């Protein structure tokens, strides 16, 4: 069966290895067929086991945001990519940035208590470069003088007002 015909119904999503093997189940050596399609420009490997249709197929590929989510997941498109997409910044962005909240393994306790949250925040406030944070925020506010109070003590004082439910 024609490879382009097989891939056409999947042109809007990245193809994982299992889908590829299922599409090529009639081949004795489907891995060789995948390699052949990559070399021939009919398939583009994004990472091991993840592909999109190649330029030789003349099929439109998946949206860049969808590809980004498949490459690094679970994640969400963020930073300049999302701001440009929603018209928040005037610049055109050529790279898609994804962020994940995937577990880093740093937290080893079973539960997270109110005191744990406060302690993590206090430690973070000790290491934050508040000058750098202010520079990131300044473009989004009218009067940057309101940021003069930002610092470790200010945010620790805010912690005292934090309410947990």
Protein backbone atom coordinates (compact mmCIF):
# COMPACT_ATOMS: atom_id res chain seq x y z
CA UNK A 1 0.00 0.00 0.00
CA UNK A 2 1.18 3.56 -0.71
CA UNK A 3 2.97 5.13 2.26
CA UNK A 4 1.51 8.59 1.65
CA UNK A 5 -1.99 7.10 1.69
CA UNK A 6 -1.25 5.46 5.05
CA UNK A 7 0.19 8.63 6.61
CA UNK A 8 -2.49 10.97 5.26
CA UNK A 9 -4.98 10.24 8.03
CA UNK A 10 -2.27 11.06 10.61
CA UNK A 11 -0.90 14.23 9.02
CA UNK A 12 -2.13 16.48 11.86
CA UNK A 13 -0.45 14.55 14.67
CA UNK A 14 3.01 13.16 15.28
CA UNK A 15 3.25 9.42 14.62
CA UNK A 16 4.67 7.27 17.38
CA UNK A 17 6.49 4.01 16.79
CA UNK A 18 3.48 1.82 17.61
CA UNK A 19 1.30 3.59 15.04
CA UNK A 20 4.06 3.28 12.44
CA UNK A 21 4.50 -0.44 13.09
CA UNK A 22 0.74 -0.96 12.87
CA UNK A 23 0.57 0.92 9.55
CA UNK A 24 3.44 -1.18 8.20
CA UNK A 25 2.25 -4.54 9.58
CA UNK A 26 2.16 -6.06 6.09
CA UNK A 27 5.91 -5.52 5.67
CA UNK A 28 8.33 -8.25 6.72
CA UNK A 29 10.79 -5.62 7.98
CA UNK A 30 8.84 -2.52 9.03
CA UNK A 31 11.90 -0.95 10.69
CA UNK A 32 13.70 -1.01 7.36
CA UNK A 33 10.69 0.62 5.72
CA UNK A 34 10.74 3.40 8.36
CA UNK A 35 14.47 3.97 7.69
CA UNK A 36 13.80 4.03 3.96
CA UNK A 37 11.04 6.63 4.41
CA UNK A 38 13.34 8.81 6.54
CA UNK A 39 16.14 8.64 3.96
CA UNK A 40 13.66 9.38 1.17
CA UNK A 41 12.29 12.49 2.91
CA UNK A 42 8.81 11.05 3.36
CA UNK A 43 9.22 10.87 7.12
CA UNK A 44 10.98 13.18 9.59
CA UNK A 45 12.15 11.77 12.91
CA UNK A 46 11.52 14.19 15.79
CA UNK A 47 13.07 11.96 18.42
CA UNK A 48 13.44 8.22 18.88
CA UNK A 49 10.07 6.66 18.07
CA UNK A 50 8.30 9.89 17.06
CA UNK A 51 7.84 11.04 13.45
CA UNK A 52 5.96 13.49 11.26
CA UNK A 53 5.28 13.37 7.53
CA UNK A 54 8.20 14.61 5.48
CA UNK A 55 8.44 17.31 2.83
CA UNK A 56 8.30 14.78 -0.02
CA UNK A 57 4.76 13.79 0.96
CA UNK A 58 3.35 17.30 0.34
CA UNK A 59 1.18 16.81 3.45
CA UNK A 60 0.77 19.53 6.03
CA UNK A 61 2.35 18.59 9.31
CA UNK A 62 1.08 19.02 12.83
CA UNK A 63 0.99 22.42 14.50
CA UNK A 64 4.30 23.35 16.18
CA UNK A 65 2.58 23.61 19.60
CA UNK A 66 1.31 20.04 19.26
CA UNK A 67 4.76 18.81 18.26
CA UNK A 68 6.28 20.62 21.25
CA UNK A 69 3.82 18.92 23.59
CA UNK A 70 4.70 15.50 22.18
CA UNK A 71 8.43 16.15 22.40
CA UNK A 72 8.38 17.26 26.02
CA UNK A 73 5.41 16.13 28.00
CA UNK A 74 3.46 16.55 30.00
CA UNK A 75 4.11 20.18 29.25
CA UNK A 76 2.48 23.35 28.13
CA UNK A 77 3.59 25.94 25.62
CA UNK A 78 4.77 29.00 27.46
CA UNK A 79 7.05 32.00 27.50
CA UNK A 80 7.46 34.01 24.31
CA UNK A 81 5.71 31.36 22.22
CA UNK A 82 2.39 31.76 23.98
CA UNK A 83 2.72 35.53 24.32
CA UNK A 84 3.33 35.91 20.60
CA UNK A 85 0.49 33.55 19.72
CA UNK A 86 -1.98 35.54 21.85
CA UNK A 87 -0.67 38.92 20.62
CA UNK A 88 0.75 40.01 23.96
CA UNK A 89 4.12 40.83 22.41
CA UNK A 90 4.56 42.29 18.92
CA UNK A 91 7.58 40.18 17.98
CA UNK A 92 7.30 37.09 15.85
CA UNK A 93 8.66 34.04 17.67
CA UNK A 94 10.35 31.28 15.69
CA UNK A 95 10.94 28.82 18.52
CA UNK A 96 8.35 27.06 20.62
CA UNK A 97 9.09 27.00 24.35
CA UNK A 98 7.52 24.34 26.52
CA UNK A 99 7.49 24.18 30.27
CA UNK A 100 6.68 21.20 32.41
CA UNK A 101 5.80 20.79 36.04
CA UNK A 102 7.08 17.27 35.92
CA UNK A 103 8.25 15.94 39.27
CA UNK A 104 11.96 16.56 39.73
CA UNK A 105 12.26 14.05 42.55
CA UNK A 106 13.56 16.74 44.90
CA UNK A 107 10.61 16.31 47.25
CA UNK A 108 10.89 12.99 49.03
CA UNK A 109 8.26 13.35 51.76
CA UNK A 110 4.89 11.69 51.39
CA UNK A 111 2.88 14.77 52.43
CA UNK A 112 3.30 18.48 51.91
CA UNK A 113 2.37 20.49 54.99
CA UNK A 114 1.71 24.20 55.37
CA UNK A 115 5.06 24.60 57.15
CA UNK A 116 6.82 22.71 54.34
CA UNK A 117 5.43 25.15 51.75
CA UNK A 118 6.47 28.16 53.83
CA UNK A 119 9.97 26.77 54.37
CA UNK A 120 10.48 26.05 50.65
CA UNK A 121 9.38 29.59 49.82
CA UNK A 122 11.62 31.14 52.50
CA UNK A 123 14.61 29.23 51.11
CA UNK A 124 13.76 30.29 47.58
CA UNK A 125 13.51 33.95 48.60
CA UNK A 126 17.08 33.73 49.92
CA UNK A 127 18.44 32.74 46.50
CA UNK A 128 16.28 34.83 44.15
CA UNK A 129 17.88 37.72 42.28
CA UNK A 130 15.17 40.30 42.88
CA UNK A 131 16.87 42.74 40.49
CA UNK A 132 16.46 40.18 37.72
CA UNK A 133 12.83 39.53 38.68
CA UNK A 134 12.11 43.27 38.64
CA UNK A 135 13.63 43.57 35.15
CA UNK A 136 11.30 40.80 33.94
CA UNK A 137 8.22 42.55 35.37
CA UNK A 138 8.97 46.18 34.43
CA UNK A 139 7.70 45.89 30.82
CA UNK A 140 4.26 44.89 32.10
CA UNK A 141 3.61 47.67 34.62
CA UNK A 142 3.06 51.43 34.33
CA UNK A 143 5.17 52.62 37.27
CA UNK A 144 8.26 50.60 38.18
CA UNK A 145 8.62 52.51 41.47
CA UNK A 146 6.11 50.10 43.00
CA UNK A 147 8.78 47.41 42.69
CA UNK A 148 11.21 49.20 45.01
CA UNK A 149 9.83 47.28 47.99
CA UNK A 150 10.41 43.91 46.33
CA UNK A 151 13.03 41.94 48.17
CA UNK A 152 13.51 38.99 50.50
CA UNK A 153 12.00 40.75 53.54
CA UNK A 154 8.94 41.95 51.61
CA UNK A 155 8.10 38.48 50.32
CA UNK A 156 8.73 36.89 53.72
CA UNK A 157 6.30 39.44 55.19
CA UNK A 158 3.76 38.40 52.57
CA UNK A 159 4.14 34.79 53.67
CA UNK A 160 2.77 35.78 57.05
CA UNK A 161 -0.45 36.84 55.32
CA UNK A 162 -0.71 33.68 53.23
CA UNK A 163 -3.83 31.66 54.07
CA UNK A 164 -4.15 27.91 53.60
CA UNK A 165 -7.40 26.00 53.35
